[in-house]
Every structure is written in structure tokens, then in C-alpha cells.
C-alpha atoms as a PDB file:
ATOM      1  CA  MET A   1      69.744 147.425 139.559  1.00  0.00           C
ATOM      2  CA  THR A   2      71.147 144.662 141.725  1.00  0.00           C
ATOM      3  CA  GLY A   3      74.557 143.133 141.169  1.00  0.00           C
ATOM      4  CA  THR A   4      72.849 139.856 140.289  1.00  0.00           C
ATOM      5  CA  ALA A   5      70.848 141.541 137.517  1.00  0.00           C
ATOM      6  CA  GLN A   6      73.961 143.267 136.215  1.00  0.00           C
ATOM      7  CA  ARG A   7      75.815 139.973 136.127  1.00  0.00           C
ATOM      8  CA  GLY A   8      72.942 138.401 134.254  1.00  0.00           C
ATOM      9  CA  GLU A   9      72.955 141.154 131.670  1.00  0.00           C
ATOM     10  CA  GLN A  10      76.716 140.827 131.210  1.00  0.00           C
ATOM     11  CA  LEU A  11      76.507 137.109 130.523  1.00  0.00           C
ATOM     12  CA  LEU A  12      73.303 137.031 128.496  1.00  0.00           C
ATOM     13  CA  GLY A  13      73.611 140.299 126.582  1.00  0.00           C
ATOM     14  CA  VAL A  14      69.926 140.983 127.306  1.00  0.00           C
ATOM     15  CA  ALA A  15      68.384 143.586 129.611  1.00  0.00           C
ATOM     16  CA  VAL A  16      66.947 142.342 132.906  1.00  0.00           C
ATOM     17  CA  ILE A  17      63.563 143.939 133.571  1.00  0.00           C
ATOM     18  CA  SER A  18      63.010 142.608 137.088  1.00  0.00           C
ATOM     19  CA  THR A  19      64.275 140.068 139.601  1.00  0.00           C
ATOM     20  CA  THR A  20      62.457 137.899 142.131  1.00  0.00           C
ATOM     21  CA  PRO A  21      64.008 135.637 144.802  1.00  0.00           C
ATOM     22  CA  VAL A  22      63.331 131.922 144.326  1.00  0.00           C
ATOM     23  CA  ALA A  23      62.471 130.051 147.527  1.00  0.00           C
ATOM     24  CA  GLY A  24      64.506 127.050 148.641  1.00  0.00           C
ATOM     25  CA  GLY A  25      68.105 126.121 148.130  1.00  0.00           C
ATOM     26  CA  ASP A  26      70.491 125.885 151.078  1.00  0.00           C
ATOM     27  CA  VAL A  27      73.612 125.872 148.943  1.00  0.00           C
ATOM     28  CA  CYS A  28      73.026 128.704 146.483  1.00  0.00           C
ATOM     29  CA  THR A  29      70.896 131.812 146.120  1.00  0.00           C
ATOM     30  CA  SER A  30      68.531 131.508 143.174  1.00  0.00           C
ATOM     31  CA  THR A  31      66.941 134.536 141.535  1.00  0.00           C
ATOM     32  CA  ARG A  32      64.401 134.674 138.735  1.00  0.00           C
ATOM     33  CA  MET A  33      65.228 137.260 136.093  1.00  0.00           C
ATOM     34  CA  ARG A  34      62.610 138.544 133.665  1.00  0.00           C
ATOM     35  CA  LEU A  35      64.382 139.463 130.447  1.00  0.00           C
ATOM     36  CA  SER A  36      63.560 142.149 127.904  1.00  0.00           C
ATOM     37  CA  ASP A  37      63.171 139.534 125.143  1.00  0.00           C
ATOM     38  CA  GLY A  38      60.230 137.958 126.961  1.00  0.00           C
ATOM     39  CA  ARG A  39      62.089 135.030 128.499  1.00  0.00           C
ATOM     40  CA  SER A  40      62.673 134.290 132.151  1.00  0.00           C
ATOM     41  CA  ALA A  41      65.824 132.738 133.565  1.00  0.00           C
ATOM     42  CA  VAL A  42      67.211 131.627 136.909  1.00  0.00           C
ATOM     43  CA  ILE A  43      70.637 132.775 138.041  1.00  0.00           C
ATOM     44  CA  LYS A  44      72.315 130.785 140.800  1.00  0.00           C
ATOM     45  CA  THR A  45      75.024 132.449 142.840  1.00  0.00           C
ATOM     46  CA  ARG A  46      77.097 131.687 145.892  1.00  0.00           C
ATOM     47  CA  PRO A  47      79.787 133.888 147.464  1.00  0.00           C
ATOM     48  CA  LYS A  48      83.186 132.203 147.354  1.00  0.00           C
ATOM     49  CA  ALA A  49      81.893 129.070 145.647  1.00  0.00           C
ATOM     50  CA  PRO A  50      84.474 126.288 145.381  1.00  0.00           C
ATOM     51  CA  GLU A  51      86.579 126.429 142.243  1.00  0.00           C
ATOM     52  CA  GLY A  52      84.772 124.821 139.330  1.00  0.00           C
ATOM     53  CA  PHE A  53      81.528 124.501 141.299  1.00  0.00           C
ATOM     54  CA  PHE A  54      79.132 125.957 138.728  1.00  0.00           C
ATOM     55  CA  GLN A  55      80.996 124.479 135.789  1.00  0.00           C
ATOM     56  CA  ALA A  56      80.586 121.004 137.296  1.00  0.00           C
ATOM     57  CA  GLU A  57      76.844 121.550 137.669  1.00  0.00           C
ATOM     58  CA  ALA A  58      76.593 122.774 134.090  1.00  0.00           C
ATOM     59  CA  ARG A  59      78.428 119.698 132.805  1.00  0.00           C
ATOM     60  CA  GLY A  60      76.045 117.464 134.711  1.00  0.00           C
ATOM     61  CA  LEU A  61      72.972 119.249 133.390  1.00  0.00           C
ATOM     62  CA  ALA A  62      74.222 119.068 129.814  1.00  0.00           C
ATOM     63  CA  TRP A  63      75.054 115.371 130.137  1.00  0.00           C
ATOM     64  CA  LEU A  64      71.633 114.531 131.528  1.00  0.00           C
ATOM     65  CA  ARG A  65      69.939 116.681 128.882  1.00  0.00           C
ATOM     66  CA  GLU A  66      71.782 114.808 126.129  1.00  0.00           C
ATOM     67  CA  ALA A  67      70.132 111.579 127.263  1.00  0.00           C
ATOM     68  CA  GLY A  68      66.781 112.698 125.886  1.00  0.00           C
ATOM     69  CA  GLY A  69      64.875 111.219 128.822  1.00  0.00           C
ATOM     70  CA  THR A  70      63.855 113.406 131.753  1.00  0.00           C
ATOM     71  CA  SER A  71      63.505 117.104 130.939  1.00  0.00           C
ATOM     72  CA  VAL A  72      66.481 119.257 131.966  1.00  0.00           C
ATOM     73  CA  PRO A  73      66.607 123.075 131.809  1.00  0.00           C
ATOM     74  CA  GLN A  74      68.684 124.641 129.060  1.00  0.00           C
ATOM     75  CA  ILE A  75      71.943 126.216 130.208  1.00  0.00           C
ATOM     76  CA  LEU A  76      72.069 129.879 129.183  1.00  0.00           C
ATOM     77  CA  ALA A  77      75.414 130.851 130.715  1.00  0.00           C
ATOM     78  CA  VAL A  78      77.982 129.589 133.187  1.00  0.00           C
ATOM     79  CA  ALA A  79      80.895 131.318 134.880  1.00  0.00           C
ATOM     80  CA  GLU A  80      83.069 130.838 137.934  1.00  0.00           C
ATOM     81  CA  ASP A  81      80.626 132.846 140.059  1.00  0.00           C
ATOM     82  CA  CYS A  82      77.213 131.784 138.734  1.00  0.00           C
ATOM     83  CA  LEU A  83      75.046 129.600 136.538  1.00  0.00           C
ATOM     84  CA  ILE A  84      72.072 130.762 134.474  1.00  0.00           C
ATOM     85  CA  VAL A  85      69.407 128.336 133.211  1.00  0.00           C
ATOM     86  CA  GLU A  86      65.983 128.707 131.687  1.00  0.00           C
ATOM     87  CA  TRP A  87      63.094 129.312 134.066  1.00  0.00           C
ATOM     88  CA  ILE A  88      60.672 126.421 134.570  1.00  0.00           C
ATOM     89  CA  GLU A  89      57.151 127.566 135.377  1.00  0.00           C
ATOM     90  CA  PRO A  90      56.060 125.401 138.315  1.00  0.00           C
ATOM     91  CA  ALA A  91      52.829 123.435 138.449  1.00  0.00           C
ATOM     92  CA  ARG A  92      51.098 120.942 140.699  1.00  0.00           C
ATOM     93  CA  PRO A  93      52.611 117.424 140.714  1.00  0.00           C
ATOM     94  CA  THR A  94      49.952 115.216 139.159  1.00  0.00           C
ATOM     95  CA  VAL A  95      49.706 111.448 138.931  1.00  0.00           C
ATOM     96  CA  GLU A  96      50.187 111.771 135.176  1.00  0.00           C
ATOM     97  CA  ALA A  97      53.352 113.802 135.698  1.00  0.00           C
ATOM     98  CA  ALA A  98      54.681 111.219 138.163  1.00  0.00           C
ATOM     99  CA  GLU A  99      54.126 108.386 135.722  1.00  0.00           C
ATOM    100  CA  ALA A 100      55.751 110.333 132.888  1.00  0.00           C
ATOM    101  CA  PHE A 101      58.676 111.131 135.181  1.00  0.00           C
ATOM    102  CA  GLY A 102      59.200 107.466 136.028  1.00  0.00           C
ATOM    103  CA  ARG A 103      59.316 106.504 132.358  1.00  0.00           C
ATOM    104  CA  ALA A 104      61.570 109.434 131.457  1.00  0.00           C
ATOM    105  CA  LEU A 105      63.987 108.671 134.301  1.00  0.00           C
ATOM    106  CA  ALA A 106      64.298 105.102 133.030  1.00  0.00           C
ATOM    107  CA  ALA A 107      65.244 106.503 129.610  1.00  0.00           C
ATOM    108  CA  THR A 108      67.850 108.817 131.141  1.00  0.00           C
ATOM    109  CA  HIS A 109      69.427 105.930 133.031  1.00  0.00           C
ATOM    110  CA  ALA A 110      69.388 103.755 129.912  1.00  0.00           C
ATOM    111  CA  ALA A 111      71.464 106.340 128.038  1.00  0.00           C
ATOM    112  CA  GLY A 112      74.341 104.933 130.049  1.00  0.00           C
ATOM    113  CA  ALA A 113      77.842 106.101 130.872  1.00  0.00           C
ATOM    114  CA  GLU A 114      81.336 105.122 129.823  1.00  0.00           C
ATOM    115  CA  SER A 115      82.238 103.946 133.307  1.00  0.00           C
ATOM    116  CA  PHE A 116      81.293 103.977 136.947  1.00  0.00           C
ATOM    117  CA  GLY A 117      82.347 107.502 137.799  1.00  0.00           C
ATOM    118  CA  GLY A 118      83.078 110.343 135.459  1.00  0.00           C
ATOM    119  CA  PRO A 119      85.760 112.301 133.622  1.00  0.00           C
ATOM    120  CA  SER A 120      86.163 114.814 136.465  1.00  0.00           C
ATOM    121  CA  ASP A 121      85.323 115.221 140.122  1.00  0.00           C
ATOM    122  CA  GLY A 122      82.269 117.211 141.125  1.00  0.00           C
ATOM    123  CA  PHE A 123      80.196 118.251 144.101  1.00  0.00           C
ATOM    124  CA  ILE A 124      77.149 117.047 145.998  1.00  0.00           C
ATOM    125  CA  GLY A 125      75.854 120.087 147.771  1.00  0.00           C
ATOM    126  CA  LEU A 126      79.074 121.743 148.858  1.00  0.00           C
ATOM    127  CA  ALA A 127      80.803 118.421 149.557  1.00  0.00           C
ATOM    128  CA  PRO A 128      83.467 117.265 147.087  1.00  0.00           C
ATOM    129  CA  LEU A 129      82.376 114.301 144.986  1.00  0.00           C
ATOM    130  CA  PRO A 130      85.222 112.033 143.818  1.00  0.00           C
ATOM    131  CA  ASN A 131      84.424 110.515 140.427  1.00  0.00           C
ATOM    132  CA  ARG A 132      87.609 108.749 139.312  1.00  0.00           C
ATOM    133  CA  PRO A 133      86.319 105.620 137.560  1.00  0.00           C
ATOM    134  CA  LEU A 134      86.633 102.095 138.898  1.00  0.00           C
ATOM    135  CA  PRO A 135      85.855  98.845 137.038  1.00  0.00           C
ATOM    136  CA  THR A 136      82.811  97.675 139.001  1.00  0.00           C
ATOM    137  CA  TRP A 137      79.992  99.380 140.847  1.00  0.00           C
ATOM    138  CA  PRO A 138      80.784  97.763 144.243  1.00  0.00           C
ATOM    139  CA  GLU A 139      84.373  99.038 144.001  1.00  0.00           C
ATOM    140  CA  PHE A 140      83.222 102.487 142.922  1.00  0.00           C
ATOM    141  CA  TYR A 141      80.501 102.790 145.539  1.00  0.00           C
ATOM    142  CA  ALA A 142      82.776 101.691 148.362  1.00  0.00           C
ATOM    143  CA  SER A 143      85.800 103.783 147.394  1.00  0.00           C
ATOM    144  CA  ARG A 144      84.173 106.913 145.950  1.00  0.00           C
ATOM    145  CA  ARG A 145      80.776 107.147 147.613  1.00  0.00           C
ATOM    146  CA  VAL A 146      80.855 105.609 151.082  1.00  0.00           C
ATOM    147  CA  MET A 147      84.286 105.459 152.691  1.00  0.00           C
ATOM    148  CA  PRO A 148      85.421 109.058 151.954  1.00  0.00           C
ATOM    149  CA  TYR A 149      82.386 110.378 153.818  1.00  0.00           C
ATOM    150  CA  VAL A 150      82.732 107.866 156.637  1.00  0.00           C
ATOM    151  CA  ARG A 151      86.210 109.229 157.326  1.00  0.00           C
ATOM    152  CA  VAL A 152      85.076 112.865 157.298  1.00  0.00           C
ATOM    153  CA  ALA A 153      81.986 112.096 159.399  1.00  0.00           C
ATOM    154  CA  VAL A 154      84.143 110.469 162.076  1.00  0.00           C
ATOM    155  CA  GLN A 155      86.585 113.394 162.011  1.00  0.00           C
ATOM    156  CA  ARG A 156      83.714 115.835 162.514  1.00  0.00           C
ATOM    157  CA  GLY A 157      82.216 113.808 165.340  1.00  0.00           C
ATOM    158  CA  VAL A 158      78.908 113.098 163.587  1.00  0.00           C
ATOM    159  CA  LEU A 159      79.584 109.356 163.235  1.00  0.00           C
ATOM    160  CA  SER A 160      80.957 107.357 166.144  1.00  0.00           C
ATOM    161  CA  PRO A 161      83.848 104.936 165.593  1.00  0.00           C
ATOM    162  CA  ALA A 162      81.525 102.038 166.486  1.00  0.00           C
ATOM    163  CA  ASP A 163      78.934 103.161 163.926  1.00  0.00           C
ATOM    164  CA  ALA A 164      81.676 103.702 161.359  1.00  0.00           C
ATOM    165  CA  HIS A 165      82.790 100.123 161.955  1.00  0.00           C
ATOM    166  CA  ASP A 166      79.291  98.876 161.143  1.00  0.00           C
ATOM    167  CA  VAL A 167      79.257 100.879 157.908  1.00  0.00           C
ATOM    168  CA  GLU A 168      82.647  99.402 156.995  1.00  0.00           C
ATOM    169  CA  ARG A 169      81.329  95.899 157.688  1.00  0.00           C
ATOM    170  CA  ALA A 170      78.450  96.541 155.284  1.00  0.00           C
ATOM    171  CA  VAL A 171      80.857  97.880 152.679  1.00  0.00           C
ATOM    172  CA  LYS A 172      82.919  94.703 152.867  1.00  0.00           C
ATOM    173  CA  ARG A 173      79.765  92.785 151.937  1.00  0.00           C
ATOM    174  CA  LEU A 174      79.085  94.963 148.893  1.00  0.00           C
ATOM    175  CA  PRO A 175      79.976  92.332 146.262  1.00  0.00           C
ATOM    176  CA  SER A 176      77.339  89.981 147.682  1.00  0.00           C
ATOM    177  CA  LEU A 177      74.804  92.720 148.475  1.00  0.00           C
ATOM    178  CA  ALA A 178      74.892  94.513 145.132  1.00  0.00           C
ATOM    179  CA  GLY A 179      72.848  91.999 143.154  1.00  0.00           C
ATOM    180  CA  ASP A 180      73.439  91.141 139.522  1.00  0.00           C
ATOM    181  CA  ALA A 181      75.955  93.339 137.728  1.00  0.00           C
ATOM    182  CA  GLU A 182      74.480  96.061 135.523  1.00  0.00           C
ATOM    183  CA  PRO A 183      76.223  98.453 133.121  1.00  0.00           C
ATOM    184  CA  PRO A 184      76.835 102.035 134.291  1.00  0.00           C
ATOM    185  CA  ALA A 185      73.654 104.104 134.221  1.00  0.00           C
ATOM    186  CA  ARG A 186      73.475 107.839 133.572  1.00  0.00           C
ATOM    187  CA  ILE A 187      72.233 108.968 136.980  1.00  0.00           C
ATOM    188  CA  HIS A 188      71.394 112.316 138.557  1.00  0.00           C
ATOM    189  CA  GLY A 189      73.260 111.420 141.730  1.00  0.00           C
ATOM    190  CA  ASP A 190      71.433 113.785 144.125  1.00  0.00           C
ATOM    191  CA  LEU A 191      67.824 112.980 143.341  1.00  0.00           C
ATOM    192  CA  TRP A 192      65.853 114.212 146.309  1.00  0.00           C
ATOM    193  CA  SER A 193      62.490 115.909 145.848  1.00  0.00           C
ATOM    194  CA  GLY A 194      63.975 119.413 145.947  1.00  0.00           C
ATOM    195  CA  ASN A 195      65.890 118.657 142.771  1.00  0.00           C
ATOM    196  CA  VAL A 196      62.742 117.738 140.834  1.00  0.00           C
ATOM    197  CA  VAL A 197      60.720 120.707 139.556  1.00  0.00           C
ATOM    198  CA  TRP A 198      57.157 119.885 138.592  1.00  0.00           C
ATOM    199  CA  GLY A 199      56.375 121.982 135.545  1.00  0.00           C
ATOM    200  CA  GLN A 200      53.604 122.615 133.082  1.00  0.00           C
ATOM    201  CA  GLU A 201      52.063 119.946 130.853  1.00  0.00           C
ATOM    202  CA  ASP A 202      52.687 117.146 133.372  1.00  0.00           C
ATOM    203  CA  THR A 203      56.457 117.421 132.979  1.00  0.00           C
ATOM    204  CA  ALA A 204      59.049 116.966 135.725  1.00  0.00           C
ATOM    205  CA  TRP A 205      62.442 118.634 135.342  1.00  0.00           C
ATOM    206  CA  LEU A 206      65.795 117.682 136.876  1.00  0.00           C
ATOM    207  CA  ILE A 207      67.981 120.360 138.455  1.00  0.00           C
ATOM    208  CA  ASP A 208      71.112 120.536 140.654  1.00  0.00           C
ATOM    209  CA  PRO A 209      72.683 117.212 139.674  1.00  0.00           C
ATOM    210  CA  ALA A 210      75.712 115.365 140.975  1.00  0.00           C
ATOM    211  CA  ALA A 211      75.642 113.414 137.720  1.00  0.00           C
ATOM    212  CA  HIS A 212      77.912 110.444 137.053  1.00  0.00           C
ATOM    213  CA  GLY A 213      77.940 106.891 135.840  1.00  0.00           C
ATOM    214  CA  GLY A 214      76.434 104.876 138.648  1.00  0.00           C
ATOM    215  CA  HIS A 215      73.789 102.340 139.581  1.00  0.00           C
ATOM    216  CA  ARG A 216      70.248 103.233 138.565  1.00  0.00           C
ATOM    217  CA  GLU A 217      68.865 102.011 141.879  1.00  0.00           C
ATOM    218  CA  THR A 218      70.772 104.845 143.586  1.00  0.00           C
ATOM    219  CA  ASP A 219      68.497 107.551 142.154  1.00  0.00           C
ATOM    220  CA  LEU A 220      65.382 105.599 143.091  1.00  0.00           C
ATOM    221  CA  ALA A 221      66.632 104.982 146.629  1.00  0.00           C
ATOM    222  CA  MET A 222      67.231 108.689 147.153  1.00  0.00           C
ATOM    223  CA  LEU A 223      63.737 109.523 145.941  1.00  0.00           C
ATOM    224  CA  ALA A 224      62.458 107.092 148.565  1.00  0.00           C
ATOM    225  CA  LEU A 225      64.746 108.457 151.288  1.00  0.00           C
ATOM    226  CA  PHE A 226      63.364 111.986 151.325  1.00  0.00           C
ATOM    227  CA  GLY A 227      60.026 111.378 149.652  1.00  0.00           C
ATOM    228  CA  ILE A 228      58.440 112.823 146.525  1.00  0.00           C
ATOM    229  CA  PRO A 229      54.795 113.269 145.509  1.00  0.00           C
ATOM    230  CA  HIS A 230      53.271 110.115 144.066  1.00  0.00           C
ATOM    231  CA  LEU A 231      56.454 108.132 144.746  1.00  0.00           C
ATOM    232  CA  GLN A 232      54.819 104.761 144.151  1.00  0.00           C
ATOM    233  CA  ARG A 233      53.488 105.910 140.763  1.00  0.00           C
ATOM    234  CA  VAL A 234      56.998 107.040 139.820  1.00  0.00           C
ATOM    235  CA  LEU A 235      58.472 103.659 140.822  1.00  0.00           C
ATOM    236  CA  ASP A 236      55.740 101.640 139.134  1.00  0.00           C
ATOM    237  CA  ALA A 237      56.096 103.562 135.865  1.00  0.00           C
ATOM    238  CA  TYR A 238      59.885 103.186 136.020  1.00  0.00           C
ATOM    239  CA  HIS A 239      59.644  99.450 136.635  1.00  0.00           C
ATOM    240  CA  GLU A 240      57.203  99.038 133.752  1.00  0.00           C
ATOM    241  CA  ALA A 241      59.562 100.876 131.385  1.00  0.00           C
ATOM    242  CA  ALA A 242      62.787  99.269 132.641  1.00  0.00           C
ATOM    243  CA  PRO A 243      62.184  96.364 135.022  1.00  0.00           C
ATOM    244  CA  LEU A 244      64.408  96.430 138.088  1.00  0.00           C
ATOM    245  CA  ALA A 245      66.481  93.425 139.084  1.00  0.00           C
ATOM    246  CA  ASP A 246      65.086  90.986 141.614  1.00  0.00           C
ATOM    247  CA  GLY A 247      65.650  92.056 145.191  1.00  0.00           C
ATOM    248  CA  TRP A 248      65.945  95.761 144.475  1.00  0.00           C
ATOM    249  CA  GLU A 249      63.695  96.606 147.425  1.00  0.00           C
ATOM    250  CA  GLU A 250      66.170  94.904 149.789  1.00  0.00           C
ATOM    251  CA  ARG A 251      68.979  97.038 148.363  1.00  0.00           C
ATOM    252  CA  VAL A 252      67.355 100.412 149.054  1.00  0.00           C
ATOM    253  CA  ALA A 253      69.210 100.841 152.364  1.00  0.00           C
ATOM    254  CA  LEU A 254      72.485 100.050 150.634  1.00  0.00           C
ATOM    255  CA  HIS A 255      71.975 102.838 148.113  1.00  0.00           C
ATOM    256  CA  GLN A 256      70.874 105.236 150.839  1.00  0.00           C
ATOM    257  CA  LEU A 257      74.179 104.944 152.700  1.00  0.00           C
ATOM    258  CA  HIS A 258      75.851 107.563 150.526  1.00  0.00           C
ATOM    259  CA  PRO A 259      73.252 110.350 150.805  1.00  0.00           C
ATOM    260  CA  LEU A 260      72.869 109.739 154.527  1.00  0.00           C
ATOM    261  CA  LEU A 261      76.626 110.042 155.038  1.00  0.00           C
ATOM    262  CA  VAL A 262      76.777 113.173 152.875  1.00  0.00           C
ATOM    263  CA  HIS A 263      74.023 114.720 154.962  1.00  0.00           C
ATOM    264  CA  ALA A 264      75.863 113.737 158.137  1.00  0.00           C
ATOM    265  CA  VAL A 265      78.978 115.527 156.863  1.00  0.00           C
ATOM    266  CA  LEU A 266      77.084 118.620 155.696  1.00  0.00           C
ATOM    267  CA  PHE A 267      74.378 118.961 158.341  1.00  0.00           C
ATOM    268  CA  GLY A 268      75.241 116.703 161.277  1.00  0.00           C
ATOM    269  CA  GLY A 269      72.144 115.996 163.333  1.00  0.00           C
ATOM    270  CA  GLY A 270      70.894 112.444 163.306  1.00  0.00           C
ATOM    271  CA  TYR A 271      72.072 111.544 159.807  1.00  0.00           C
ATOM    272  CA  GLY A 272      75.121 109.673 161.091  1.00  0.00           C
ATOM    273  CA  LEU A 273      72.889 107.491 163.263  1.00  0.00           C
ATOM    274  CA  ARG A 274      70.548 106.883 160.320  1.00  0.00           C
ATOM    275  CA  ALA A 275      73.499 105.831 158.144  1.00  0.00           C
ATOM    276  CA  ALA A 276      74.659 103.370 160.800  1.00  0.00           C
ATOM    277  CA  LYS A 277      71.131 101.980 161.152  1.00  0.00           C
ATOM    278  CA  ALA A 278      70.933 101.493 157.370  1.00  0.00           C
ATOM    279  CA  ALA A 279      74.293  99.717 157.432  1.00  0.00           C
ATOM    280  CA  ARG A 280      73.255  97.383 160.223  1.00  0.00           C
ATOM    281  CA  SER A 281      70.115  96.422 158.322  1.00  0.00           C
ATOM    282  CA  LEU A 282      72.423  94.997 155.655  1.00  0.00           C
ATOM    283  CA  LEU A 283      74.472  92.811 158.000  1.00  0.00           C
END
């Protein structure tokens, strides 16, 4: 029996019959465990994970699940070295599932948050995610989501000083770019297509969140950034359930600044240039 299976048995108190690697996931290793009680579960592990890494993910999953909107896997166990959640049997992403996902995501966002930010810091991928609350979304987005990653990107040589200056210029315009003020939404925070699992019965499930109180347009902008099946159906269904403020299409680049900068910090490549291009489109 593998060490992963043994760890699963320790935490769940149920025998593991077999294990199967789960494809995908650059940050963690995911393994499906078939349990002796007939259930299946996924255990996520990572050697030398940052302190509190899996606990932060578990808090985010539980918070999103409490909203009663988009489906979120049940947490079965969490420890310093791993997280175990229920297995979601995958299925083909249908138009019906996309529409249901759009409506459910609107309900999750509408559940709201106490503030822009959260009660504790977290992670996005392996990057630290500062969540200390600030009174308004422009303040929060500038101070907690954009500028920390600009500084690190410049230090790592994946964002030039000139490009960083353009991002800073866009940030200074945030109060006028942000549109009408909205209350904090309960957002996933890292909503690219890999963190949406299309399951049975036309149901989409959220995994791997960087959940916090933020702007609802942020989740939608990230879906658009990396693409998702039937994206337009998702957006249309969302807009029908919870109409977006005028001009939201023009703000997509603004909300994409953060994920582009995070990717620049984590993966380098051309993400720094893409972040600068997005910033310049806002000037």
C-alpha cells in the first residue's frame, strides 16, 4: 500500500481498496482513492507545502459550499500535509450544465462577504494571497491583488520597470475605472477552467479556490482569460440571474491584471507582457 493510501486510511478511518492518479494539477498531486465503504475520494498532497496551505483551501471550499449556489465537494479530512474531498465523477460539459453553472455562480456571489478580503491570508497556486480587508474594492484590489505581485514580478525579472510603471498608472485610475460600487461578493478567486469540474446531471463543481470577498466581475474575467466550454452561455445565464453593471465588458482587462501578474510570478513566460498590455488598454 502506498503512503498516500495509508495517510487516507489514517484520516478517514476507512480502508482504501485502490488508488489511481488524477491527471492535471501543477501545484499538488491528486489521487483518487476507492474506499471499502463504496465511496471514492480525492486526496491532494504536496511535499513541503507552505504552512497552512491545505487548511486555507479547506476554509475556502467550506465558505463557498455554505453559499448554496455552485456545487462544491464535501471536505472529508484536512491536515497539514493533505486535503481529502469527495470524488466528483466527471462528465461532458453540456450547454445545460453551462447555463446552470452561470446561474449557480450568481447565487454564490450573491451570498456575499463581510468585507473586501477575508479573515486570514491564503494562497493562489503556491503564491501567498494577502487578504487583510480594506474598505473599498479599488483600495483592496490595488493593495492586495495588484501591487504585491508587481513588486515580485519586477524582482524576478518577469516584468520590466517600464511595464510595471504602466500597471501602476492603471492602478492609480482604479477609482474611475471600477464602475459603480457593489457590496463584497463571495468569489472563488482563482476561477480558471481547470478549477471547474463538469460532473454528472449537468452540474459544475468548484475546486481549488482562493476564496475571499471581492468583486464578482473578477471571477467572470478569469473564466474569460483562460477559456471554458460554452463560456458565452455561462455569461448569459449569469447576467440573466444577476444583471451585471453597465460597462462590465470594458472592465474585463482590469480584473485580469491580478491573475496575469500571479502567472507572471509563478510561471514567467509572456504573462508579464500580457499584464502590461492589459494595463495599457485601460489608460
